[in-house]
Amino acid sequence: MPKENAKPCFICNAPSDHVPWPGDRAAFQVKCARCGEYHIPRTVTVELSLDDTQRGALSGYLKHRTVRGEPPPIITTNRAEAFPGAITIDDALASRPRRAGDVQDAVLVAIARMIGTPGGKVRLTDDDAALAYSLQPFDFRWHRDQLLARNLLRYAEGNDIYNLSHAAWQLVDDLDRGRVEVPDQAFVAMWFDASMDDAYERGIKPAIEAAGYRPYRIKEVEHNNKICDEILAEIRRSRFVVAEFTGNRGGVYFEAGFAMGLERPVVWIVRAEDLEKGHFDTEHFNHITWTTVEDLKTKLQRRIEATIPRLRKA
């Protein structure tokens, strides 16, 4: 709990403990009952300019990391200056689930982790609002009530103590194993070389977003699992896969083939000069060929909109 002389959290303004980070007096080490733990440079605290929705999303990102037992991240503002253990504010905000059902799934998984094992109990209060990626307690209460109505969450003692039903534990297991599809997620399989970063940032990513979906690129997402396990789980969860074959990387072929085995649609793309370098087994697929990132964005957006049914907004 914060001490009596606690200061407002830099993210959610709740009482928190923050002291100079040991070994670096240019940064703070923060422990917040709502957000969890994080490190933040003094320069970022000065630059921080977020509205309440963004603060709620960032608070939720930090809270879910804490619940997962991950080490406190270092919050930065410049992707180019990011380093191991750091997360940019933009990337943290982009990780927030967009659909109500996905937020509810995230809340359920977090509650399961807080309980630990079937049969356990947990106390949930308004301080847990960040579980719903919000600063507003009524947002969390709404998702809590939906879980109660679905008989996933149950009252255990009084009004604040809860446990999970058998069906909830089964659903959590499915979510953790990636067996439950995230309707708006598009998995991006491509070469991780830095030469492809511009193609992703200005071509692939905005094209997927403009078509109404959320791109997932394993390089950008922090996790503690084996990378192959993480890739397979996220392909299972995705609505479709964008496979970019520039560089002729074996991993991209594997990921595209795995997606096809799951009957997930695959959008095939490659830089024009690399088209003839592809494996002959894939020559018959209708590849999008591109020369500039602007060309890539336009063609990919059109292909997604023409071949992947557009989602209905929640």
C-alpha atoms as a PDB file:
ATOM      1  CA  MET A   1       0.000   0.000   0.000  1.00  0.00           C
ATOM      2  CA  PRO A   2       1.241   3.571  -0.645  1.00  0.00           C
ATOM      3  CA  LYS A   3       2.770   5.379   2.311  1.00  0.00           C
ATOM      4  CA  GLU A   4       1.092   8.318   4.008  1.00  0.00           C
ATOM      5  CA  ASN A   5       3.292  10.742   2.098  1.00  0.00           C
ATOM      6  CA  ALA A   6       2.527   9.025  -1.225  1.00  0.00           C
ATOM      7  CA  LYS A   7       2.484  11.100  -4.394  1.00  0.00           C
ATOM      8  CA  PRO A   8       0.096  10.771  -7.358  1.00  0.00           C
ATOM      9  CA  CYS A   9       0.918   8.072  -9.871  1.00  0.00           C
ATOM     10  CA  PHE A  10       2.220   9.611 -13.100  1.00  0.00           C
ATOM     11  CA  ILE A  11      -0.304   7.539 -15.104  1.00  0.00           C
ATOM     12  CA  CYS A  12      -3.554   7.262 -13.122  1.00  0.00           C
ATOM     13  CA  ASN A  13      -3.064   9.909 -10.366  1.00  0.00           C
ATOM     14  CA  ALA A  14      -3.869   7.383  -7.610  1.00  0.00           C
ATOM     15  CA  PRO A  15      -1.675   7.507  -4.489  1.00  0.00           C
ATOM     16  CA  SER A  16       1.603   5.702  -5.170  1.00  0.00           C
ATOM     17  CA  ASP A  17       5.156   5.257  -3.958  1.00  0.00           C
ATOM     18  CA  HIS A  18       7.746   6.622  -6.325  1.00  0.00           C
ATOM     19  CA  VAL A  19      11.397   7.022  -5.512  1.00  0.00           C
ATOM     20  CA  PRO A  20      14.511   7.630  -7.604  1.00  0.00           C
ATOM     21  CA  TRP A  21      15.380   4.464  -9.483  1.00  0.00           C
ATOM     22  CA  PRO A  22      18.442   2.922  -7.797  1.00  0.00           C
ATOM     23  CA  GLY A  23      21.502   3.710  -9.859  1.00  0.00           C
ATOM     24  CA  ASP A  24      19.717   6.284 -12.007  1.00  0.00           C
ATOM     25  CA  ARG A  25      18.403   9.432 -10.352  1.00  0.00           C
ATOM     26  CA  ALA A  26      17.106  10.616 -13.716  1.00  0.00           C
ATOM     27  CA  ALA A  27      14.240   8.105 -13.463  1.00  0.00           C
ATOM     28  CA  PHE A  28      11.570   7.059 -10.968  1.00  0.00           C
ATOM     29  CA  GLN A  29      10.631   3.607  -9.709  1.00  0.00           C
ATOM     30  CA  VAL A  30       6.858   3.635  -9.161  1.00  0.00           C
ATOM     31  CA  LYS A  31       4.591   1.265  -7.230  1.00  0.00           C
ATOM     32  CA  CYS A  32       0.906   2.022  -7.766  1.00  0.00           C
ATOM     33  CA  ALA A  33      -2.003   0.021  -6.326  1.00  0.00           C
ATOM     34  CA  ARG A  34      -3.910   0.518  -9.586  1.00  0.00           C
ATOM     35  CA  CYS A  35      -1.243   0.364 -12.300  1.00  0.00           C
ATOM     36  CA  GLY A  36       1.268  -1.945 -10.656  1.00  0.00           C
ATOM     37  CA  GLU A  37       5.013  -1.282 -10.966  1.00  0.00           C
ATOM     38  CA  TYR A  38       6.917   0.595 -13.651  1.00  0.00           C
ATOM     39  CA  HIS A  39       9.952   2.821 -14.220  1.00  0.00           C
ATOM     40  CA  ILE A  40       9.690   6.197 -15.894  1.00  0.00           C
ATOM     41  CA  PRO A  41      12.413   8.748 -16.763  1.00  0.00           C
ATOM     42  CA  ARG A  42      11.945  12.269 -15.440  1.00  0.00           C
ATOM     43  CA  THR A  43      11.990  13.586 -18.999  1.00  0.00           C
ATOM     44  CA  VAL A  44       8.987  11.405 -19.860  1.00  0.00           C
ATOM     45  CA  THR A  45       7.028  12.645 -16.825  1.00  0.00           C
ATOM     46  CA  VAL A  46       7.448  16.173 -18.186  1.00  0.00           C
ATOM     47  CA  GLU A  47       6.463  15.186 -21.748  1.00  0.00           C
ATOM     48  CA  LEU A  48       3.519  12.993 -20.721  1.00  0.00           C
ATOM     49  CA  SER A  49       0.389  14.437 -22.315  1.00  0.00           C
ATOM     50  CA  LEU A  50      -2.435  11.893 -22.437  1.00  0.00           C
ATOM     51  CA  ASP A  51      -6.195  12.114 -22.173  1.00  0.00           C
ATOM     52  CA  ASP A  52      -8.126   9.956 -19.702  1.00  0.00           C
ATOM     53  CA  THR A  53      -8.823   7.219 -22.260  1.00  0.00           C
ATOM     54  CA  GLN A  54      -5.129   6.938 -23.091  1.00  0.00           C
ATOM     55  CA  ARG A  55      -4.167   6.984 -19.426  1.00  0.00           C
ATOM     56  CA  GLY A  56      -6.645   4.193 -18.777  1.00  0.00           C
ATOM     57  CA  ALA A  57      -5.205   2.125 -21.626  1.00  0.00           C
ATOM     58  CA  LEU A  58      -1.643   2.647 -20.379  1.00  0.00           C
ATOM     59  CA  SER A  59      -2.699   1.867 -16.810  1.00  0.00           C
ATOM     60  CA  GLY A  60      -4.298  -1.353 -18.074  1.00  0.00           C
ATOM     61  CA  TYR A  61      -1.168  -2.354 -19.972  1.00  0.00           C
ATOM     62  CA  LEU A  62       0.903  -1.938 -16.810  1.00  0.00           C
ATOM     63  CA  LYS A  63      -1.656  -3.681 -14.585  1.00  0.00           C
ATOM     64  CA  HIS A  64      -1.870  -6.742 -16.819  1.00  0.00           C
ATOM     65  CA  ARG A  65       1.927  -6.992 -16.968  1.00  0.00           C
ATOM     66  CA  THR A  66       2.052  -6.897 -13.178  1.00  0.00           C
ATOM     67  CA  VAL A  67      -0.652  -9.562 -12.866  1.00  0.00           C
ATOM     68  CA  ARG A  68       1.294 -11.768 -15.308  1.00  0.00           C
ATOM     69  CA  GLY A  69       4.351 -11.444 -13.074  1.00  0.00           C
ATOM     70  CA  GLU A  70       6.428  -9.679 -15.716  1.00  0.00           C
ATOM     71  CA  PRO A  71       9.227  -7.311 -14.653  1.00  0.00           C
ATOM     72  CA  PRO A  72       8.361  -3.603 -14.398  1.00  0.00           C
ATOM     73  CA  PRO A  73       8.834  -1.964 -17.819  1.00  0.00           C
ATOM     74  CA  ILE A  74      10.600   1.293 -18.517  1.00  0.00           C
ATOM     75  CA  ILE A  75       8.197   3.719 -20.175  1.00  0.00           C
ATOM     76  CA  THR A  76       9.661   5.704 -23.078  1.00  0.00           C
ATOM     77  CA  THR A  77       8.295   7.983 -25.773  1.00  0.00           C
ATOM     78  CA  ASN A  78      10.743   7.403 -28.634  1.00  0.00           C
ATOM     79  CA  ARG A  79      10.732   4.010 -30.380  1.00  0.00           C
ATOM     80  CA  ALA A  80      14.142   4.726 -31.875  1.00  0.00           C
ATOM     81  CA  GLU A  81      15.600   5.055 -28.372  1.00  0.00           C
ATOM     82  CA  ALA A  82      13.852   1.990 -26.951  1.00  0.00           C
ATOM     83  CA  PHE A  83      16.059  -0.679 -25.351  1.00  0.00           C
ATOM     84  CA  PRO A  84      15.561  -4.076 -23.635  1.00  0.00           C
ATOM     85  CA  GLY A  85      12.999  -3.732 -20.873  1.00  0.00           C
ATOM     86  CA  ALA A  86      11.528  -0.548 -22.373  1.00  0.00           C
ATOM     87  CA  ILE A  87       8.106  -0.002 -23.931  1.00  0.00           C
ATOM     88  CA  THR A  88       7.013   3.064 -25.839  1.00  0.00           C
ATOM     89  CA  ILE A  89       3.741   4.683 -24.855  1.00  0.00           C
ATOM     90  CA  ASP A  90       2.435   4.304 -28.429  1.00  0.00           C
ATOM     91  CA  ASP A  91       3.104   0.556 -28.425  1.00  0.00           C
ATOM     92  CA  ALA A  92       1.510   0.134 -25.008  1.00  0.00           C
ATOM     93  CA  LEU A  93      -1.608   2.010 -26.146  1.00  0.00           C
ATOM     94  CA  ALA A  94      -1.788  -0.043 -29.346  1.00  0.00           C
ATOM     95  CA  SER A  95      -1.867  -3.269 -27.329  1.00  0.00           C
ATOM     96  CA  ARG A  96      -5.219  -2.410 -25.730  1.00  0.00           C
ATOM     97  CA  PRO A  97      -8.018  -4.773 -26.854  1.00  0.00           C
ATOM     98  CA  ARG A  98     -10.460  -2.844 -29.055  1.00  0.00           C
ATOM     99  CA  ARG A  99     -13.624  -4.906 -28.768  1.00  0.00           C
ATOM    100  CA  ALA A 100     -15.675  -5.242 -25.579  1.00  0.00           C
ATOM    101  CA  GLY A 101     -15.516  -9.020 -25.762  1.00  0.00           C
ATOM    102  CA  ASP A 102     -11.717  -8.968 -25.972  1.00  0.00           C
ATOM    103  CA  VAL A 103     -11.484  -6.637 -22.962  1.00  0.00           C
ATOM    104  CA  GLN A 104     -13.780  -9.007 -21.066  1.00  0.00           C
ATOM    105  CA  ASP A 105     -11.564 -11.973 -21.968  1.00  0.00           C
ATOM    106  CA  ALA A 106      -8.523 -10.051 -20.735  1.00  0.00           C
ATOM    107  CA  VAL A 107     -10.289  -9.245 -17.455  1.00  0.00           C
ATOM    108  CA  LEU A 108     -11.231 -12.908 -16.992  1.00  0.00           C
ATOM    109  CA  VAL A 109      -7.684 -14.162 -17.622  1.00  0.00           C
ATOM    110  CA  ALA A 110      -6.273 -11.551 -15.224  1.00  0.00           C
ATOM    111  CA  ILE A 111      -8.736 -12.554 -12.498  1.00  0.00           C
ATOM    112  CA  ALA A 112      -7.730 -16.196 -12.982  1.00  0.00           C
ATOM    113  CA  ARG A 113      -4.084 -15.273 -12.554  1.00  0.00           C
ATOM    114  CA  MET A 114      -4.907 -13.265  -9.423  1.00  0.00           C
ATOM    115  CA  ILE A 115      -6.775 -16.270  -7.958  1.00  0.00           C
ATOM    116  CA  GLY A 116      -4.025 -18.691  -8.920  1.00  0.00           C
ATOM    117  CA  THR A 117      -5.784 -22.066  -8.844  1.00  0.00           C
ATOM    118  CA  PRO A 118      -9.361 -23.366  -9.190  1.00  0.00           C
ATOM    119  CA  GLY A 119     -11.150 -23.106  -5.860  1.00  0.00           C
ATOM    120  CA  GLY A 120      -9.305 -19.946  -4.886  1.00  0.00           C
ATOM    121  CA  LYS A 121     -10.833 -16.551  -4.245  1.00  0.00           C
ATOM    122  CA  VAL A 122      -9.979 -12.950  -4.986  1.00  0.00           C
ATOM    123  CA  ARG A 123     -11.070  -9.549  -3.720  1.00  0.00           C
ATOM    124  CA  LEU A 124     -12.054  -7.143  -6.499  1.00  0.00           C
ATOM    125  CA  THR A 125     -12.599  -3.439  -5.869  1.00  0.00           C
ATOM    126  CA  ASP A 126     -12.714  -0.176  -7.785  1.00  0.00           C
ATOM    127  CA  ASP A 127      -8.905  -0.125  -7.584  1.00  0.00           C
ATOM    128  CA  ASP A 128      -8.998  -2.899 -10.191  1.00  0.00           C
ATOM    129  CA  ALA A 129     -10.445  -0.605 -12.867  1.00  0.00           C
ATOM    130  CA  ALA A 130      -7.196  -0.893 -14.841  1.00  0.00           C
ATOM    131  CA  LEU A 131      -8.037  -4.543 -15.565  1.00  0.00           C
ATOM    132  CA  ALA A 132     -10.628  -3.110 -17.980  1.00  0.00           C
ATOM    133  CA  TYR A 133      -8.069  -0.666 -19.452  1.00  0.00           C
ATOM    134  CA  SER A 134      -9.860   2.261 -17.871  1.00  0.00           C
ATOM    135  CA  LEU A 135      -9.541   4.795 -15.079  1.00  0.00           C
ATOM    136  CA  GLN A 136     -13.290   4.631 -14.480  1.00  0.00           C
ATOM    137  CA  PRO A 137     -14.532   2.060 -11.922  1.00  0.00           C
ATOM    138  CA  PHE A 138     -17.901   1.793 -13.703  1.00  0.00           C
ATOM    139  CA  ASP A 139     -16.122   0.409 -16.805  1.00  0.00           C
ATOM    140  CA  PHE A 140     -14.636  -2.388 -14.727  1.00  0.00           C
ATOM    141  CA  ARG A 141     -17.953  -2.985 -12.935  1.00  0.00           C
ATOM    142  CA  TRP A 142     -19.702  -3.368 -16.284  1.00  0.00           C
ATOM    143  CA  HIS A 143     -17.296  -6.095 -17.427  1.00  0.00           C
ATOM    144  CA  ARG A 144     -17.448  -7.724 -13.983  1.00  0.00           C
ATOM    145  CA  ASP A 145     -21.246  -7.805 -14.181  1.00  0.00           C
ATOM    146  CA  GLN A 146     -21.107  -9.324 -17.671  1.00  0.00           C
ATOM    147  CA  LEU A 147     -18.877 -12.102 -16.352  1.00  0.00           C
ATOM    148  CA  LEU A 148     -21.307 -12.652 -13.492  1.00  0.00           C
ATOM    149  CA  ALA A 149     -24.240 -12.819 -15.919  1.00  0.00           C
ATOM    150  CA  ARG A 150     -22.370 -15.408 -18.016  1.00  0.00           C
ATOM    151  CA  ASN A 151     -21.809 -17.501 -14.862  1.00  0.00           C
ATOM    152  CA  LEU A 152     -18.054 -17.251 -15.314  1.00  0.00           C
ATOM    153  CA  LEU A 153     -17.466 -15.076 -12.268  1.00  0.00           C
ATOM    154  CA  ARG A 154     -19.317 -15.877  -9.023  1.00  0.00           C
ATOM    155  CA  TYR A 155     -19.782 -14.283  -5.622  1.00  0.00           C
ATOM    156  CA  ALA A 156     -17.872 -16.201  -2.972  1.00  0.00           C
ATOM    157  CA  GLU A 157     -18.208 -14.075   0.159  1.00  0.00           C
ATOM    158  CA  GLY A 158     -19.985 -10.767   0.583  1.00  0.00           C
ATOM    159  CA  ASN A 159     -19.891  -8.232  -2.248  1.00  0.00           C
ATOM    160  CA  ASP A 160     -16.146  -8.022  -2.980  1.00  0.00           C
ATOM    161  CA  ILE A 161     -14.908 -11.648  -2.854  1.00  0.00           C
ATOM    162  CA  TYR A 162     -15.216 -13.751  -5.993  1.00  0.00           C
ATOM    163  CA  ASN A 163     -14.225 -17.064  -7.518  1.00  0.00           C
ATOM    164  CA  LEU A 164     -14.477 -18.569 -10.991  1.00  0.00           C
ATOM    165  CA  SER A 165     -16.756 -21.312 -12.271  1.00  0.00           C
ATOM    166  CA  HIS A 166     -15.520 -24.504 -13.927  1.00  0.00           C
ATOM    167  CA  ALA A 167     -16.591 -23.077 -17.308  1.00  0.00           C
ATOM    168  CA  ALA A 168     -14.475 -19.983 -16.633  1.00  0.00           C
ATOM    169  CA  TRP A 169     -11.348 -22.043 -15.975  1.00  0.00           C
ATOM    170  CA  GLN A 170     -11.937 -23.945 -19.209  1.00  0.00           C
ATOM    171  CA  LEU A 171     -12.295 -20.690 -21.134  1.00  0.00           C
ATOM    172  CA  VAL A 172      -9.153 -19.270 -19.520  1.00  0.00           C
ATOM    173  CA  ASP A 173      -7.263 -22.395 -20.580  1.00  0.00           C
ATOM    174  CA  ASP A 174      -8.485 -21.937 -24.153  1.00  0.00           C
ATOM    175  CA  LEU A 175      -7.517 -18.271 -24.153  1.00  0.00           C
ATOM    176  CA  ASP A 176      -4.056 -19.003 -22.761  1.00  0.00           C
ATOM    177  CA  ARG A 177      -3.482 -21.702 -25.365  1.00  0.00           C
ATOM    178  CA  GLY A 178      -4.652 -19.447 -28.184  1.00  0.00           C
ATOM    179  CA  ARG A 179      -7.616 -21.612 -29.121  1.00  0.00           C
ATOM    180  CA  VAL A 180     -10.047 -18.690 -28.989  1.00  0.00           C
ATOM    181  CA  GLU A 181      -9.967 -16.478 -32.069  1.00  0.00           C
ATOM    182  CA  VAL A 182      -9.458 -12.733 -31.694  1.00  0.00           C
ATOM    183  CA  PRO A 183     -11.865 -11.511 -34.406  1.00  0.00           C
ATOM    184  CA  ASP A 184      -9.944  -8.378 -35.399  1.00  0.00           C
ATOM    185  CA  GLN A 185      -6.379  -9.731 -35.227  1.00  0.00           C
ATOM    186  CA  ALA A 186      -4.226 -10.183 -38.334  1.00  0.00           C
ATOM    187  CA  PHE A 187      -0.946 -12.044 -37.863  1.00  0.00           C
ATOM    188  CA  VAL A 188       1.979 -10.656 -39.872  1.00  0.00           C
ATOM    189  CA  ALA A 189       4.668 -13.144 -40.933  1.00  0.00           C
ATOM    190  CA  MET A 190       7.741 -11.474 -42.400  1.00  0.00           C
ATOM    191  CA  TRP A 191      11.501 -11.096 -42.294  1.00  0.00           C
ATOM    192  CA  PHE A 192      12.611  -9.437 -39.032  1.00  0.00           C
ATOM    193  CA  ASP A 193      15.527  -7.629 -40.689  1.00  0.00           C
ATOM    194  CA  ALA A 194      15.679  -3.872 -40.011  1.00  0.00           C
ATOM    195  CA  SER A 195      15.505  -3.238 -43.751  1.00  0.00           C
ATOM    196  CA  MET A 196      11.845  -4.336 -43.606  1.00  0.00           C
ATOM    197  CA  ASP A 197      10.789  -2.062 -40.736  1.00  0.00           C
ATOM    198  CA  ASP A 198       9.701   0.747 -43.058  1.00  0.00           C
ATOM    199  CA  ALA A 199       7.616  -1.655 -45.142  1.00  0.00           C
ATOM    200  CA  TYR A 200       5.826  -2.760 -41.991  1.00  0.00           C
ATOM    201  CA  GLU A 201       5.414   0.636 -40.316  1.00  0.00           C
ATOM    202  CA  ARG A 202       4.292   2.606 -43.395  1.00  0.00           C
ATOM    203  CA  GLY A 203       2.885  -0.145 -45.591  1.00  0.00           C
ATOM    204  CA  ILE A 204       1.617  -3.316 -43.936  1.00  0.00           C
ATOM    205  CA  LYS A 205       0.510  -1.980 -40.554  1.00  0.00           C
ATOM    206  CA  PRO A 206      -1.531   1.022 -41.818  1.00  0.00           C
ATOM    207  CA  ALA A 207      -3.079  -1.116 -44.589  1.00  0.00           C
ATOM    208  CA  ILE A 208      -4.344  -3.688 -42.085  1.00  0.00           C
ATOM    209  CA  GLU A 209      -5.645  -0.974 -39.766  1.00  0.00           C
ATOM    210  CA  ALA A 210      -7.374   0.896 -42.609  1.00  0.00           C
ATOM    211  CA  ALA A 211      -9.142  -2.350 -43.525  1.00  0.00           C
ATOM    212  CA  GLY A 212     -10.530  -2.554 -39.979  1.00  0.00           C
ATOM    213  CA  TYR A 213      -8.152  -5.046 -38.357  1.00  0.00           C
ATOM    214  CA  ARG A 214      -5.364  -5.024 -35.780  1.00  0.00           C
ATOM    215  CA  PRO A 215      -1.902  -6.213 -36.888  1.00  0.00           C
ATOM    216  CA  TYR A 216       0.100  -8.567 -34.669  1.00  0.00           C
ATOM    217  CA  ARG A 217       3.815  -8.830 -35.385  1.00  0.00           C
ATOM    218  CA  ILE A 218       5.727 -11.067 -32.980  1.00  0.00           C
ATOM    219  CA  LYS A 219       8.808  -8.823 -33.116  1.00  0.00           C
ATOM    220  CA  GLU A 220       6.854  -5.992 -31.491  1.00  0.00           C
ATOM    221  CA  VAL A 221       5.219  -7.940 -28.668  1.00  0.00           C
ATOM    222  CA  GLU A 222       6.910  -8.718 -25.349  1.00  0.00           C
ATOM    223  CA  HIS A 223       6.421 -12.221 -23.956  1.00  0.00           C
ATOM    224  CA  ASN A 224       8.115 -14.866 -21.795  1.00  0.00           C
ATOM    225  CA  ASN A 225       7.286 -17.913 -23.913  1.00  0.00           C
ATOM    226  CA  LYS A 226       9.367 -19.742 -26.509  1.00  0.00           C
ATOM    227  CA  ILE A 227       9.016 -17.674 -29.681  1.00  0.00           C
ATOM    228  CA  CYS A 228       7.817 -20.655 -31.766  1.00  0.00           C
ATOM    229  CA  ASP A 229       5.057 -21.427 -29.242  1.00  0.00           C
ATOM    230  CA  GLU A 230       4.046 -17.774 -29.216  1.00  0.00           C
ATOM    231  CA  ILE A 231       3.880 -17.648 -33.020  1.00  0.00           C
ATOM    232  CA  LEU A 232       1.700 -20.749 -33.295  1.00  0.00           C
ATOM    233  CA  ALA A 233      -0.638 -19.554 -30.534  1.00  0.00           C
ATOM    234  CA  GLU A 234      -1.140 -16.148 -32.153  1.00  0.00           C
ATOM    235  CA  ILE A 235      -1.730 -17.615 -35.613  1.00  0.00           C
ATOM    236  CA  ARG A 236      -4.452 -19.786 -34.062  1.00  0.00           C
ATOM    237  CA  ARG A 237      -6.005 -16.659 -32.559  1.00  0.00           C
ATOM    238  CA  SER A 238      -5.866 -14.568 -35.744  1.00  0.00           C
ATOM    239  CA  ARG A 239      -8.608 -13.987 -38.292  1.00  0.00           C
ATOM    240  CA  PHE A 240      -6.101 -14.162 -41.166  1.00  0.00           C
ATOM    241  CA  VAL A 241      -2.359 -14.031 -41.895  1.00  0.00           C
ATOM    242  CA  VAL A 242      -0.391 -11.570 -44.009  1.00  0.00           C
ATOM    243  CA  ALA A 243       2.725 -13.381 -45.281  1.00  0.00           C
ATOM    244  CA  GLU A 244       5.484 -11.157 -46.693  1.00  0.00           C
ATOM    245  CA  PHE A 245       8.105 -13.235 -48.545  1.00  0.00           C
ATOM    246  CA  THR A 246      10.794 -10.633 -49.230  1.00  0.00           C
ATOM    247  CA  GLY A 247      14.077 -12.182 -48.139  1.00  0.00           C
ATOM    248  CA  ASN A 248      12.728 -15.683 -48.844  1.00  0.00           C
ATOM    249  CA  ARG A 249      12.718 -16.625 -45.149  1.00  0.00           C
ATOM    250  CA  GLY A 250      11.870 -20.202 -44.214  1.00  0.00           C
ATOM    251  CA  GLY A 251       9.928 -19.124 -41.146  1.00  0.00           C
ATOM    252  CA  VAL A 252       7.435 -17.204 -43.271  1.00  0.00           C
ATOM    253  CA  TYR A 253       6.744 -20.298 -45.382  1.00  0.00           C
ATOM    254  CA  PHE A 254       6.196 -22.328 -42.212  1.00  0.00           C
ATOM    255  CA  GLU A 255       3.828 -19.760 -40.702  1.00  0.00           C
ATOM    256  CA  ALA A 256       1.826 -19.427 -43.922  1.00  0.00           C
ATOM    257  CA  GLY A 257       1.543 -23.216 -44.194  1.00  0.00           C
ATOM    258  CA  PHE A 258       0.479 -23.538 -40.566  1.00  0.00           C
ATOM    259  CA  ALA A 259      -2.224 -20.919 -41.120  1.00  0.00           C
ATOM    260  CA  MET A 260      -3.492 -22.754 -44.197  1.00  0.00           C
ATOM    261  CA  GLY A 261      -3.683 -25.971 -42.183  1.00  0.00           C
ATOM    262  CA  LEU A 262      -5.960 -24.121 -39.752  1.00  0.00           C
ATOM    263  CA  GLU A 263      -8.005 -22.825 -42.699  1.00  0.00           C
ATOM    264  CA  ARG A 264      -7.013 -19.246 -41.943  1.00  0.00           C
ATOM    265  CA  PRO A 265      -6.910 -17.018 -45.048  1.00  0.00           C
ATOM    266  CA  VAL A 266      -3.384 -16.057 -46.132  1.00  0.00           C
ATOM    267  CA  VAL A 267      -2.590 -12.854 -48.043  1.00  0.00           C
ATOM    268  CA  TRP A 268       0.639 -13.392 -50.007  1.00  0.00           C
ATOM    269  CA  ILE A 269       2.904 -10.394 -50.655  1.00  0.00           C
ATOM    270  CA  VAL A 270       6.490  -9.908 -51.831  1.00  0.00           C
ATOM    271  CA  ARG A 271       8.700  -7.091 -53.086  1.00  0.00           C
ATOM    272  CA  ALA A 272       8.718  -7.208 -56.911  1.00  0.00           C
ATOM    273  CA  GLU A 273      12.456  -7.862 -57.202  1.00  0.00           C
ATOM    274  CA  ASP A 274      12.154 -10.905 -54.913  1.00  0.00           C
ATOM    275  CA  LEU A 275       9.223 -12.554 -56.680  1.00  0.00           C
ATOM    276  CA  GLU A 276      11.393 -14.900 -58.769  1.00  0.00           C
ATOM    277  CA  LYS A 277      13.364 -15.975 -55.681  1.00  0.00           C
ATOM    278  CA  GLY A 278      10.349 -17.647 -54.069  1.00  0.00           C
ATOM    279  CA  HIS A 279       9.951 -21.393 -53.679  1.00  0.00           C
ATOM    280  CA  PHE A 280       8.264 -23.071 -56.635  1.00  0.00           C
ATOM    281  CA  ASP A 281       5.625 -24.641 -54.330  1.00  0.00           C
ATOM    282  CA  THR A 282       4.115 -21.201 -53.758  1.00  0.00           C
ATOM    283  CA  GLU A 283       4.300 -19.833 -57.304  1.00  0.00           C
ATOM    284  CA  HIS A 284       0.636 -20.556 -57.979  1.00  0.00           C
ATOM    285  CA  PHE A 285      -0.562 -18.281 -55.154  1.00  0.00           C
ATOM    286  CA  ASN A 286      -1.643 -14.780 -56.147  1.00  0.00           C
ATOM    287  CA  HIS A 287       1.109 -12.655 -54.626  1.00  0.00           C
ATOM    288  CA  ILE A 288       0.772  -8.909 -54.219  1.00  0.00           C
ATOM    289  CA  THR A 289       3.985  -7.452 -55.650  1.00  0.00           C
ATOM    290  CA  TRP A 290       5.155  -4.020 -54.542  1.00  0.00           C
ATOM    291  CA  THR A 291       7.946  -1.563 -55.264  1.00  0.00           C
ATOM    292  CA  THR A 292       7.302   1.271 -52.761  1.00  0.00           C
ATOM    293  CA  VAL A 293       5.717   1.305 -49.315  1.00  0.00           C
ATOM    294  CA  GLU A 294       2.920   3.506 -50.676  1.00  0.00           C
ATOM    295  CA  ASP A 295       2.287   0.898 -53.379  1.00  0.00           C
ATOM    296  CA  LEU A 296       2.319  -1.831 -50.718  1.00  0.00           C
ATOM    297  CA  LYS A 297      -0.179  -0.041 -48.479  1.00  0.00           C
ATOM    298  CA  THR A 298      -2.664   0.597 -51.281  1.00  0.00           C
ATOM    299  CA  LYS A 299      -2.539  -2.909 -52.751  1.00  0.00           C
ATOM    300  CA  LEU A 300      -2.646  -4.714 -49.414  1.00  0.00           C
ATOM    301  CA  GLN A 301      -5.609  -2.711 -48.119  1.00  0.00           C
ATOM    302  CA  ARG A 302      -7.540  -3.429 -51.323  1.00  0.00           C
ATOM    303  CA  ARG A 303      -6.749  -7.158 -51.192  1.00  0.00           C
ATOM    304  CA  ILE A 304      -7.845  -7.470 -47.544  1.00  0.00           C
ATOM    305  CA  GLU A 305     -11.075  -5.590 -48.176  1.00  0.00           C
ATOM    306  CA  ALA A 306     -11.790  -7.710 -51.271  1.00  0.00           C
ATOM    307  CA  THR A 307     -11.047 -11.121 -49.755  1.00  0.00           C
ATOM    308  CA  ILE A 308     -11.584 -10.911 -45.975  1.00  0.00           C
ATOM    309  CA  PRO A 309     -15.169 -10.114 -44.897  1.00  0.00           C
ATOM    310  CA  ARG A 310     -15.238  -6.793 -43.089  1.00  0.00           C
ATOM    311  CA  LEU A 311     -15.933  -7.023 -39.375  1.00  0.00           C
ATOM    312  CA  ARG A 312     -19.078  -5.620 -37.879  1.00  0.00           C
ATOM    313  CA  LYS A 313     -18.121  -3.100 -35.247  1.00  0.00           C
ATOM    314  CA  ALA A 314     -18.972  -3.991 -31.656  1.00  0.00           C
END
